[in-house]
Amino acid sequence: SEGFGCLSDIGLAALMSPMPHQVMKAAGHHAPEVTDSRKATQASDVYS
């Protein structure tokens, strides 16, 4: 309502383990280590 960014779809990655490799690789916003391990971390959130 104030024009600032607001996050959605929080925490769904924890329900899908491992995440699909090809989809993640094609997305472009995932960190390199996530496309290999298919496991998100706080550091990979920073990359995104």
All heavy atoms as atom14 arrays in JSON, in Angstrom:
{
  "sequence": "SEGFGCLSDIGLAALMSPMPHQVMKAAGHHAPEVTDSRKATQASDVYS",
  "atom14_mask": [
    [1, 1, 1, 1, 1, 1, 0, 0, 0, 0, 0, 0, 0, 0],
    [1, 1, 1, 1, 1, 1, 1, 1, 1, 0, 0, 0, 0, 0],
    [1, 1, 1, 1, 0, 0, 0, 0, 0, 0, 0, 0, 0, 0],
    [1, 1, 1, 1, 1, 1, 1, 1, 1, 1, 1, 0, 0, 0],
    [1, 1, 1, 1, 0, 0, 0, 0, 0, 0, 0, 0, 0, 0],
    [1, 1, 1, 1, 1, 1, 0, 0, 0, 0, 0, 0, 0, 0],
    [1, 1, 1, 1, 1, 1, 1, 1, 0, 0, 0, 0, 0, 0],
    [1, 1, 1, 1, 1, 1, 0, 0, 0, 0, 0, 0, 0, 0],
    [1, 1, 1, 1, 1, 1, 1, 1, 0, 0, 0, 0, 0, 0],
    [1, 1, 1, 1, 1, 1, 1, 1, 0, 0, 0, 0, 0, 0],
    [1, 1, 1, 1, 0, 0, 0, 0, 0, 0, 0, 0, 0, 0],
    [1, 1, 1, 1, 1, 1, 1, 1, 0, 0, 0, 0, 0, 0],
    [1, 1, 1, 1, 1, 0, 0, 0, 0, 0, 0, 0, 0, 0],
    [1, 1, 1, 1, 1, 0, 0, 0, 0, 0, 0, 0, 0, 0],
    [1, 1, 1, 1, 1, 1, 1, 1, 0, 0, 0, 0, 0, 0],
    [1, 1, 1, 1, 1, 1, 1, 1, 0, 0, 0, 0, 0, 0],
    [1, 1, 1, 1, 1, 1, 0, 0, 0, 0, 0, 0, 0, 0],
    [1, 1, 1, 1, 1, 1, 1, 0, 0, 0, 0, 0, 0, 0],
    [1, 1, 1, 1, 1, 1, 1, 1, 0, 0, 0, 0, 0, 0],
    [1, 1, 1, 1, 1, 1, 1, 0, 0, 0, 0, 0, 0, 0],
    [1, 1, 1, 1, 1, 1, 1, 1, 1, 1, 0, 0, 0, 0],
    [1, 1, 1, 1, 1, 1, 1, 1, 1, 0, 0, 0, 0, 0],
    [1, 1, 1, 1, 1, 1, 1, 0, 0, 0, 0, 0, 0, 0],
    [1, 1, 1, 1, 1, 1, 1, 1, 0, 0, 0, 0, 0, 0],
    [1, 1, 1, 1, 1, 1, 1, 1, 1, 0, 0, 0, 0, 0],
    [1, 1, 1, 1, 1, 0, 0, 0, 0, 0, 0, 0, 0, 0],
    [1, 1, 1, 1, 1, 0, 0, 0, 0, 0, 0, 0, 0, 0],
    [1, 1, 1, 1, 0, 0, 0, 0, 0, 0, 0, 0, 0, 0],
    [1, 1, 1, 1, 1, 1, 1, 1, 1, 1, 0, 0, 0, 0],
    [1, 1, 1, 1, 1, 1, 1, 1, 1, 1, 0, 0, 0, 0],
    [1, 1, 1, 1, 1, 0, 0, 0, 0, 0, 0, 0, 0, 0],
    [1, 1, 1, 1, 1, 1, 1, 0, 0, 0, 0, 0, 0, 0],
    [1, 1, 1, 1, 1, 1, 1, 1, 1, 0, 0, 0, 0, 0],
    [1, 1, 1, 1, 1, 1, 1, 0, 0, 0, 0, 0, 0, 0],
    [1, 1, 1, 1, 1, 1, 1, 0, 0, 0, 0, 0, 0, 0],
    [1, 1, 1, 1, 1, 1, 1, 1, 0, 0, 0, 0, 0, 0],
    [1, 1, 1, 1, 1, 1, 0, 0, 0, 0, 0, 0, 0, 0],
    [1, 1, 1, 1, 1, 1, 1, 1, 1, 1, 1, 0, 0, 0],
    [1, 1, 1, 1, 1, 1, 1, 1, 1, 0, 0, 0, 0, 0],
    [1, 1, 1, 1, 1, 0, 0, 0, 0, 0, 0, 0, 0, 0],
    [1, 1, 1, 1, 1, 1, 1, 0, 0, 0, 0, 0, 0, 0],
    [1, 1, 1, 1, 1, 1, 1, 1, 1, 0, 0, 0, 0, 0],
    [1, 1, 1, 1, 1, 0, 0, 0, 0, 0, 0, 0, 0, 0],
    [1, 1, 1, 1, 1, 1, 0, 0, 0, 0, 0, 0, 0, 0],
    [1, 1, 1, 1, 1, 1, 1, 1, 0, 0, 0, 0, 0, 0],
    [1, 1, 1, 1, 1, 1, 1, 0, 0, 0, 0, 0, 0, 0],
    [1, 1, 1, 1, 1, 1, 1, 1, 1, 1, 1, 1, 0, 0],
    [1, 1, 1, 1, 1, 1, 0, 0, 0, 0, 0, 0, 0, 0]
  ],
  "atom14_positions": [
    [[0.81, -1.22, 0.0], [0.0, 0.0, 0.0], [0.84, 1.27, 0.0], [0.38, 2.33, -0.42], [-0.93, 0.01, 1.22], [-0.19, -0.08, 2.43], [0.0, 0.0, 0.0], [0.0, 0.0, 0.0], [0.0, 0.0, 0.0], [0.0, 0.0, 0.0], [0.0, 0.0, 0.0], [0.0, 0.0, 0.0], [0.0, 0.0, 0.0], [0.0, 0.0, 0.0]],
    [[2.11, 1.17, 0.44], [2.99, 2.34, 0.47], [3.95, 2.38, -0.71], [4.81, 3.26, -0.78], [3.78, 2.36, 1.78], [2.89, 2.49, 3.02], [3.69, 2.52, 4.3], [4.93, 2.35, 4.22], [3.1, 2.69, 5.37], [0.0, 0.0, 0.0], [0.0, 0.0, 0.0], [0.0, 0.0, 0.0], [0.0, 0.0, 0.0], [0.0, 0.0, 0.0]],
    [[3.79, 1.44, -1.64], [4.63, 1.45, -2.84], [5.96, 0.76, -2.69], [6.82, 0.87, -3.58], [0.0, 0.0, 0.0], [0.0, 0.0, 0.0], [0.0, 0.0, 0.0], [0.0, 0.0, 0.0], [0.0, 0.0, 0.0], [0.0, 0.0, 0.0], [0.0, 0.0, 0.0], [0.0, 0.0, 0.0], [0.0, 0.0, 0.0], [0.0, 0.0, 0.0]],
    [[6.18, 0.04, -1.59], [7.43, -0.69, -1.39], [7.26, -2.15, -1.84], [6.15, -2.67, -1.91], [7.85, -0.66, 0.09], [8.38, 0.66, 0.54], [7.54, 1.62, 1.06], [9.74, 0.95, 0.44], [8.02, 2.85, 1.48], [10.24, 2.17, 0.86], [9.37, 3.12, 1.37], [0.0, 0.0, 0.0], [0.0, 0.0, 0.0], [0.0, 0.0, 0.0]],
    [[8.37, -2.8, -2.12], [8.33, -4.2, -2.54], [7.82, -5.1, -1.44], [8.12, -4.91, -0.26], [0.0, 0.0, 0.0], [0.0, 0.0, 0.0], [0.0, 0.0, 0.0], [0.0, 0.0, 0.0], [0.0, 0.0, 0.0], [0.0, 0.0, 0.0], [0.0, 0.0, 0.0], [0.0, 0.0, 0.0], [0.0, 0.0, 0.0], [0.0, 0.0, 0.0]],
    [[7.01, -6.1, -1.82], [6.4, -7.02, -0.87], [6.57, -8.45, -1.38], [6.17, -8.77, -2.51], [4.92, -6.68, -0.7], [4.07, -7.64, 0.56], [0.0, 0.0, 0.0], [0.0, 0.0, 0.0], [0.0, 0.0, 0.0], [0.0, 0.0, 0.0], [0.0, 0.0, 0.0], [0.0, 0.0, 0.0], [0.0, 0.0, 0.0], [0.0, 0.0, 0.0]],
    [[7.17, -9.32, -0.55], [7.49, -10.7, -0.95], [6.27, -11.61, -0.9], [5.44, -11.51, 0.0], [8.54, -11.29, -0.01], [9.98, -10.81, -0.15], [10.77, -11.26, 1.05], [10.58, -11.35, -1.43], [0.0, 0.0, 0.0], [0.0, 0.0, 0.0], [0.0, 0.0, 0.0], [0.0, 0.0, 0.0], [0.0, 0.0, 0.0], [0.0, 0.0, 0.0]],
    [[6.2, -12.52, -1.87], [5.14, -13.53, -1.89], [5.75, -14.91, -2.11], [6.96, -15.03, -2.33], [4.13, -13.2, -2.99], [3.07, -14.13, -2.98], [0.0, 0.0, 0.0], [0.0, 0.0, 0.0], [0.0, 0.0, 0.0], [0.0, 0.0, 0.0], [0.0, 0.0, 0.0], [0.0, 0.0, 0.0], [0.0, 0.0, 0.0], [0.0, 0.0, 0.0]],
    [[4.91, -15.94, -2.04], [5.34, -17.34, -2.25], [6.5, -17.73, -1.34], [7.49, -18.33, -1.77], [5.72, -17.57, -3.71], [4.52, -17.89, -4.57], [3.39, -17.71, -4.08], [4.69, -18.31, -5.72], [0.0, 0.0, 0.0], [0.0, 0.0, 0.0], [0.0, 0.0, 0.0], [0.0, 0.0, 0.0], [0.0, 0.0, 0.0], [0.0, 0.0, 0.0]],
    [[6.36, -17.43, -0.08], [7.44, -17.65, 0.87], [7.46, -19.09, 1.36], [6.43, -19.66, 1.7], [7.27, -16.7, 2.08], [7.38, -15.25, 1.6], [8.32, -16.96, 3.15], [6.92, -14.26, 2.62], [0.0, 0.0, 0.0], [0.0, 0.0, 0.0], [0.0, 0.0, 0.0], [0.0, 0.0, 0.0], [0.0, 0.0, 0.0], [0.0, 0.0, 0.0]],
    [[8.64, -19.68, 1.4], [8.83, -20.98, 2.02], [8.32, -22.19, 1.27], [8.35, -23.3, 1.81], [0.0, 0.0, 0.0], [0.0, 0.0, 0.0], [0.0, 0.0, 0.0], [0.0, 0.0, 0.0], [0.0, 0.0, 0.0], [0.0, 0.0, 0.0], [0.0, 0.0, 0.0], [0.0, 0.0, 0.0], [0.0, 0.0, 0.0], [0.0, 0.0, 0.0]],
    [[7.87, -22.02, 0.04], [7.35, -23.17, -0.71], [8.47, -24.1, -1.16], [8.23, -25.28, -1.42], [6.55, -22.7, -1.92], [5.31, -21.84, -1.6], [4.57, -21.49, -2.89], [4.39, -22.55, -0.63], [0.0, 0.0, 0.0], [0.0, 0.0, 0.0], [0.0, 0.0, 0.0], [0.0, 0.0, 0.0], [0.0, 0.0, 0.0], [0.0, 0.0, 0.0]],
    [[9.68, -23.57, -1.28], [10.81, -24.4, -1.72], [11.07, -25.55, -0.76], [11.53, -26.62, -1.17], [12.06, -23.54, -1.86], [0.0, 0.0, 0.0], [0.0, 0.0, 0.0], [0.0, 0.0, 0.0], [0.0, 0.0, 0.0], [0.0, 0.0, 0.0], [0.0, 0.0, 0.0], [0.0, 0.0, 0.0], [0.0, 0.0, 0.0], [0.0, 0.0, 0.0]],
    [[10.76, -25.34, 0.53], [10.99, -26.39, 1.51], [10.06, -27.58, 1.31], [10.35, -28.69, 1.77], [10.82, -25.84, 2.93], [0.0, 0.0, 0.0], [0.0, 0.0, 0.0], [0.0, 0.0, 0.0], [0.0, 0.0, 0.0], [0.0, 0.0, 0.0], [0.0, 0.0, 0.0], [0.0, 0.0, 0.0], [0.0, 0.0, 0.0], [0.0, 0.0, 0.0]],
    [[8.93, -27.37, 0.62], [7.98, -28.45, 0.38], [8.34, -29.28, -0.84], [7.81, -30.36, -1.04], [6.57, -27.86, 0.18], [6.0, -27.06, 1.35], [4.68, -26.46, 0.97], [5.87, -27.94, 2.59], [0.0, 0.0, 0.0], [0.0, 0.0, 0.0], [0.0, 0.0, 0.0], [0.0, 0.0, 0.0], [0.0, 0.0, 0.0], [0.0, 0.0, 0.0]],
    [[9.22, -28.75, -1.67], [9.62, -29.46, -2.89], [11.12, -29.73, -2.82], [11.94, -28.84, -3.05], [9.29, -28.63, -4.13], [9.67, -29.31, -5.44], [9.31, -28.27, -6.87], [7.54, -28.29, -6.85], [0.0, 0.0, 0.0], [0.0, 0.0, 0.0], [0.0, 0.0, 0.0], [0.0, 0.0, 0.0], [0.0, 0.0, 0.0], [0.0, 0.0, 0.0]],
    [[11.47, -30.93, -2.48], [12.88, -31.27, -2.34], [13.14, -32.62, -3.0], [12.53, -33.63, -2.63], [13.27, -31.31, -0.87], [14.63, -31.63, -0.71], [0.0, 0.0, 0.0], [0.0, 0.0, 0.0], [0.0, 0.0, 0.0], [0.0, 0.0, 0.0], [0.0, 0.0, 0.0], [0.0, 0.0, 0.0], [0.0, 0.0, 0.0], [0.0, 0.0, 0.0]],
    [[14.05, -32.65, -3.99], [14.76, -31.49, -4.53], [13.93, -30.76, -5.59], [13.0, -31.32, -6.15], [16.0, -32.13, -5.17], [15.5, -33.48, -5.62], [14.5, -33.92, -4.59], [0.0, 0.0, 0.0], [0.0, 0.0, 0.0], [0.0, 0.0, 0.0], [0.0, 0.0, 0.0], [0.0, 0.0, 0.0], [0.0, 0.0, 0.0], [0.0, 0.0, 0.0]],
    [[14.3, -29.52, -5.87], [13.62, -28.75, -6.89], [14.09, -29.19, -8.27], [15.22, -29.66, -8.42], [13.89, -27.25, -6.69], [13.23, -26.68, -5.44], [13.36, -24.89, -5.3], [15.08, -24.72, -4.86], [0.0, 0.0, 0.0], [0.0, 0.0, 0.0], [0.0, 0.0, 0.0], [0.0, 0.0, 0.0], [0.0, 0.0, 0.0], [0.0, 0.0, 0.0]],
    [[13.24, -29.05, -9.3], [13.6, -29.52, -10.64], [14.81, -28.78, -11.21], [14.82, -27.55, -11.27], [12.33, -29.25, -11.47], [11.57, -28.24, -10.69], [11.88, -28.48, -9.25], [0.0, 0.0, 0.0], [0.0, 0.0, 0.0], [0.0, 0.0, 0.0], [0.0, 0.0, 0.0], [0.0, 0.0, 0.0], [0.0, 0.0, 0.0], [0.0, 0.0, 0.0]],
    [[15.81, -29.54, -11.64], [17.09, -28.96, -12.07], [16.94, -28.12, -13.34], [17.41, -26.97, -13.39], [18.1, -30.08, -12.31], [19.41, -29.6, -12.86], [20.34, -28.94, -12.09], [19.92, -29.66, -14.12], [21.39, -28.63, -12.85], [21.16, -29.05, -14.07], [0.0, 0.0, 0.0], [0.0, 0.0, 0.0], [0.0, 0.0, 0.0], [0.0, 0.0, 0.0]],
    [[16.3, -28.65, -14.35], [16.22, -27.96, -15.63], [15.44, -26.66, -15.52], [15.79, -25.65, -16.13], [15.57, -28.88, -16.69], [16.44, -30.07, -17.07], [17.78, -29.65, -17.66], [17.9, -28.63, -18.33], [18.8, -30.45, -17.4], [0.0, 0.0, 0.0], [0.0, 0.0, 0.0], [0.0, 0.0, 0.0], [0.0, 0.0, 0.0], [0.0, 0.0, 0.0]],
    [[14.36, -26.67, -14.75], [13.55, -25.46, -14.59], [14.34, -24.38, -13.89], [14.31, -23.2, -14.26], [12.26, -25.78, -13.8], [11.47, -24.51, -13.53], [11.41, -26.77, -14.57], [0.0, 0.0, 0.0], [0.0, 0.0, 0.0], [0.0, 0.0, 0.0], [0.0, 0.0, 0.0], [0.0, 0.0, 0.0], [0.0, 0.0, 0.0], [0.0, 0.0, 0.0]],
    [[15.09, -24.76, -12.86], [15.88, -23.79, -12.11], [17.0, -23.21, -12.96], [17.29, -22.01, -12.9], [16.46, -24.45, -10.86], [15.42, -24.88, -9.85], [16.18, -25.77, -8.49], [17.29, -24.52, -7.87], [0.0, 0.0, 0.0], [0.0, 0.0, 0.0], [0.0, 0.0, 0.0], [0.0, 0.0, 0.0], [0.0, 0.0, 0.0], [0.0, 0.0, 0.0]],
    [[17.61, -24.06, -13.76], [18.72, -23.6, -14.59], [18.25, -22.6, -15.63], [18.96, -21.65, -15.97], [19.37, -24.82, -15.28], [20.65, -24.48, -16.04], [21.28, -25.74, -16.6], [22.57, -25.42, -17.34], [23.2, -26.65, -17.9], [0.0, 0.0, 0.0], [0.0, 0.0, 0.0], [0.0, 0.0, 0.0], [0.0, 0.0, 0.0], [0.0, 0.0, 0.0]],
    [[17.04, -22.79, -16.13], [16.51, -21.91, -17.17], [15.94, -20.62, -16.6], [15.73, -19.66, -17.33], [15.43, -22.64, -17.97], [0.0, 0.0, 0.0], [0.0, 0.0, 0.0], [0.0, 0.0, 0.0], [0.0, 0.0, 0.0], [0.0, 0.0, 0.0], [0.0, 0.0, 0.0], [0.0, 0.0, 0.0], [0.0, 0.0, 0.0], [0.0, 0.0, 0.0]],
    [[15.7, -20.57, -15.29], [15.04, -19.4, -14.7], [15.96, -18.18, -14.66], [15.54, -17.07, -14.89], [14.54, -19.74, -13.3], [0.0, 0.0, 0.0], [0.0, 0.0, 0.0], [0.0, 0.0, 0.0], [0.0, 0.0, 0.0], [0.0, 0.0, 0.0], [0.0, 0.0, 0.0], [0.0, 0.0, 0.0], [0.0, 0.0, 0.0], [0.0, 0.0, 0.0]],
    [[17.25, -18.37, -14.3], [18.2, -17.27, -14.29], [18.33, -16.54, -12.98], [19.28, -15.78, -12.79], [0.0, 0.0, 0.0], [0.0, 0.0, 0.0], [0.0, 0.0, 0.0], [0.0, 0.0, 0.0], [0.0, 0.0, 0.0], [0.0, 0.0, 0.0], [0.0, 0.0, 0.0], [0.0, 0.0, 0.0], [0.0, 0.0, 0.0], [0.0, 0.0, 0.0]],
    [[17.41, -16.73, -12.03], [17.5, -16.0, -10.77], [18.0, -16.87, -9.61], [18.08, -16.4, -8.48], [16.14, -15.4, -10.4], [15.04, -16.41, -10.25], [14.27, -16.83, -11.32], [14.58, -17.09, -9.17], [13.39, -17.71, -10.89], [13.56, -17.9, -9.6], [0.0, 0.0, 0.0], [0.0, 0.0, 0.0], [0.0, 0.0, 0.0], [0.0, 0.0, 0.0]],
    [[18.32, -18.12, -9.89], [18.85, -18.99, -8.84], [20.37, -18.96, -8.83], [21.01, -18.83, -9.88], [18.38, -20.44, -9.06], [16.91, -20.63, -8.83], [16.35, -20.59, -7.58], [15.9, -20.85, -9.7], [15.04, -20.77, -7.68], [14.74, -20.95, -8.96], [0.0, 0.0, 0.0], [0.0, 0.0, 0.0], [0.0, 0.0, 0.0], [0.0, 0.0, 0.0]],
    [[20.95, -19.09, -7.64], [22.4, -19.09, -7.5], [23.0, -20.33, -8.14], [22.34, -21.37, -8.23], [22.76, -19.04, -6.01], [0.0, 0.0, 0.0], [0.0, 0.0, 0.0], [0.0, 0.0, 0.0], [0.0, 0.0, 0.0], [0.0, 0.0, 0.0], [0.0, 0.0, 0.0], [0.0, 0.0, 0.0], [0.0, 0.0, 0.0], [0.0, 0.0, 0.0]],
    [[24.25, -20.25, -8.61], [24.89, -21.41, -9.27], [24.89, -22.66, -8.41], [24.67, -23.76, -8.91], [26.31, -20.91, -9.54], [26.2, -19.42, -9.58], [25.13, -19.07, -8.61], [0.0, 0.0, 0.0], [0.0, 0.0, 0.0], [0.0, 0.0, 0.0], [0.0, 0.0, 0.0], [0.0, 0.0, 0.0], [0.0, 0.0, 0.0], [0.0, 0.0, 0.0]],
    [[25.13, -22.51, -7.11], [25.2, -23.69, -6.25], [23.83, -24.36, -6.07], [23.74, -25.56, -5.81], [25.78, -23.34, -4.87], [24.87, -22.5, -3.98], [25.02, -21.01, -4.19], [25.67, -20.62, -5.18], [24.51, -20.24, -3.36], [0.0, 0.0, 0.0], [0.0, 0.0, 0.0], [0.0, 0.0, 0.0], [0.0, 0.0, 0.0], [0.0, 0.0, 0.0]],
    [[22.75, -23.59, -6.25], [21.42, -24.16, -6.11], [21.06, -25.01, -7.32], [20.43, -26.06, -7.2], [20.36, -23.05, -5.91], [18.97, -23.64, -5.83], [20.66, -22.27, -4.65], [0.0, 0.0, 0.0], [0.0, 0.0, 0.0], [0.0, 0.0, 0.0], [0.0, 0.0, 0.0], [0.0, 0.0, 0.0], [0.0, 0.0, 0.0], [0.0, 0.0, 0.0]],
    [[21.46, -24.59, -8.5], [21.18, -25.38, -9.7], [21.92, -26.71, -9.67], [21.51, -27.66, -10.34], [21.57, -24.6, -10.96], [22.95, -24.24, -10.9], [20.74, -23.33, -11.09], [0.0, 0.0, 0.0], [0.0, 0.0, 0.0], [0.0, 0.0, 0.0], [0.0, 0.0, 0.0], [0.0, 0.0, 0.0], [0.0, 0.0, 0.0], [0.0, 0.0, 0.0]],
    [[23.01, -26.77, -8.9], [23.76, -28.03, -8.77], [23.2, -28.9, -7.64], [22.91, -30.08, -7.83], [25.24, -27.73, -8.52], [25.89, -27.04, -9.71], [25.39, -27.24, -10.84], [26.86, -26.29, -9.5], [0.0, 0.0, 0.0], [0.0, 0.0, 0.0], [0.0, 0.0, 0.0], [0.0, 0.0, 0.0], [0.0, 0.0, 0.0], [0.0, 0.0, 0.0]],
    [[23.05, -28.3, -6.45], [22.58, -29.07, -5.29], [21.07, -29.14, -5.21], [20.52, -30.0, -4.53], [23.11, -28.43, -4.0], [22.54, -27.15, -3.81], [0.0, 0.0, 0.0], [0.0, 0.0, 0.0], [0.0, 0.0, 0.0], [0.0, 0.0, 0.0], [0.0, 0.0, 0.0], [0.0, 0.0, 0.0], [0.0, 0.0, 0.0], [0.0, 0.0, 0.0]],
    [[20.39, -28.2, -5.88], [18.92, -28.07, -5.85], [18.4, -27.87, -4.43], [17.31, -28.27, -4.08], [18.25, -29.28, -6.51], [18.48, -29.34, -8.01], [17.69, -30.44, -8.65], [18.25, -31.74, -8.4], [17.72, -32.89, -8.78], [16.56, -32.88, -9.42], [18.29, -34.04, -8.53], [0.0, 0.0, 0.0], [0.0, 0.0, 0.0], [0.0, 0.0, 0.0]],
    [[19.21, -27.2, -3.62], [18.82, -26.88, -2.25], [19.1, -25.4, -2.0], [20.23, -24.94, -2.11], [19.59, -27.75, -1.25], [19.16, -27.51, 0.18], [19.92, -28.43, 1.13], [19.48, -28.2, 2.57], [20.2, -29.08, 3.52], [0.0, 0.0, 0.0], [0.0, 0.0, 0.0], [0.0, 0.0, 0.0], [0.0, 0.0, 0.0], [0.0, 0.0, 0.0]],
    [[18.03, -24.65, -1.66], [18.15, -23.23, -1.43], [18.69, -22.94, -0.04], [18.46, -23.69, 0.91], [16.8, -22.55, -1.62], [0.0, 0.0, 0.0], [0.0, 0.0, 0.0], [0.0, 0.0, 0.0], [0.0, 0.0, 0.0], [0.0, 0.0, 0.0], [0.0, 0.0, 0.0], [0.0, 0.0, 0.0], [0.0, 0.0, 0.0], [0.0, 0.0, 0.0]],
    [[19.42, -21.81, 0.08], [19.97, -21.36, 1.36], [19.72, -19.85, 1.47], [19.28, -19.21, 0.53], [21.47, -21.65, 1.45], [22.14, -20.89, 0.43], [21.76, -23.13, 1.26], [0.0, 0.0, 0.0], [0.0, 0.0, 0.0], [0.0, 0.0, 0.0], [0.0, 0.0, 0.0], [0.0, 0.0, 0.0], [0.0, 0.0, 0.0], [0.0, 0.0, 0.0]],
    [[20.06, -19.3, 2.62], [19.94, -17.85, 2.78], [20.91, -17.13, 1.85], [20.59, -16.06, 1.31], [20.18, -17.45, 4.24], [19.05, -17.88, 5.17], [19.16, -17.26, 6.54], [20.16, -16.6, 6.89], [18.14, -17.46, 7.37], [0.0, 0.0, 0.0], [0.0, 0.0, 0.0], [0.0, 0.0, 0.0], [0.0, 0.0, 0.0], [0.0, 0.0, 0.0]],
    [[22.07, -17.72, 1.62], [23.04, -17.12, 0.7], [22.51, -17.12, -0.73], [22.74, -16.18, -1.5], [24.38, -17.86, 0.77], [0.0, 0.0, 0.0], [0.0, 0.0, 0.0], [0.0, 0.0, 0.0], [0.0, 0.0, 0.0], [0.0, 0.0, 0.0], [0.0, 0.0, 0.0], [0.0, 0.0, 0.0], [0.0, 0.0, 0.0], [0.0, 0.0, 0.0]],
    [[21.79, -18.17, -1.1], [21.2, -18.21, -2.44], [20.05, -17.21, -2.57], [19.79, -16.69, -3.65], [20.73, -19.62, -2.78], [19.64, -20.02, -1.98], [0.0, 0.0, 0.0], [0.0, 0.0, 0.0], [0.0, 0.0, 0.0], [0.0, 0.0, 0.0], [0.0, 0.0, 0.0], [0.0, 0.0, 0.0], [0.0, 0.0, 0.0], [0.0, 0.0, 0.0]],
    [[19.36, -16.92, -1.45], [18.35, -15.86, -1.46], [19.0, -14.51, -1.75], [18.44, -13.67, -2.47], [17.64, -15.79, -0.1], [16.52, -16.81, 0.02], [16.21, -17.49, -0.98], [15.96, -16.93, 1.13], [0.0, 0.0, 0.0], [0.0, 0.0, 0.0], [0.0, 0.0, 0.0], [0.0, 0.0, 0.0], [0.0, 0.0, 0.0], [0.0, 0.0, 0.0]],
    [[20.17, -14.28, -1.18], [20.9, -13.03, -1.42], [21.25, -12.91, -2.9], [21.12, -11.83, -3.5], [22.17, -12.96, -0.54], [23.0, -11.72, -0.9], [21.8, -12.94, 0.93], [0.0, 0.0, 0.0], [0.0, 0.0, 0.0], [0.0, 0.0, 0.0], [0.0, 0.0, 0.0], [0.0, 0.0, 0.0], [0.0, 0.0, 0.0], [0.0, 0.0, 0.0]],
    [[21.7, -14.0, -3.49], [22.0, -14.0, -4.92], [20.76, -13.63, -5.73], [20.83, -12.79, -6.65], [22.52, -15.37, -5.35], [22.92, -15.47, -6.81], [24.25, -15.35, -7.19], [21.96, -15.7, -7.8], [24.62, -15.44, -8.53], [22.32, -15.78, -9.14], [23.65, -15.66, -9.5], [24.01, -15.73, -10.82], [0.0, 0.0, 0.0], [0.0, 0.0, 0.0]],
    [[19.64, -14.25, -5.43], [18.41, -13.98, -6.16], [17.99, -12.53, -6.02], [17.49, -11.92, -6.97], [17.29, -14.91, -5.68], [17.61, -16.26, -5.92], [0.0, 0.0, 0.0], [0.0, 0.0, 0.0], [0.0, 0.0, 0.0], [0.0, 0.0, 0.0], [0.0, 0.0, 0.0], [0.0, 0.0, 0.0], [0.0, 0.0, 0.0], [0.0, 0.0, 0.0]]
  ]
}
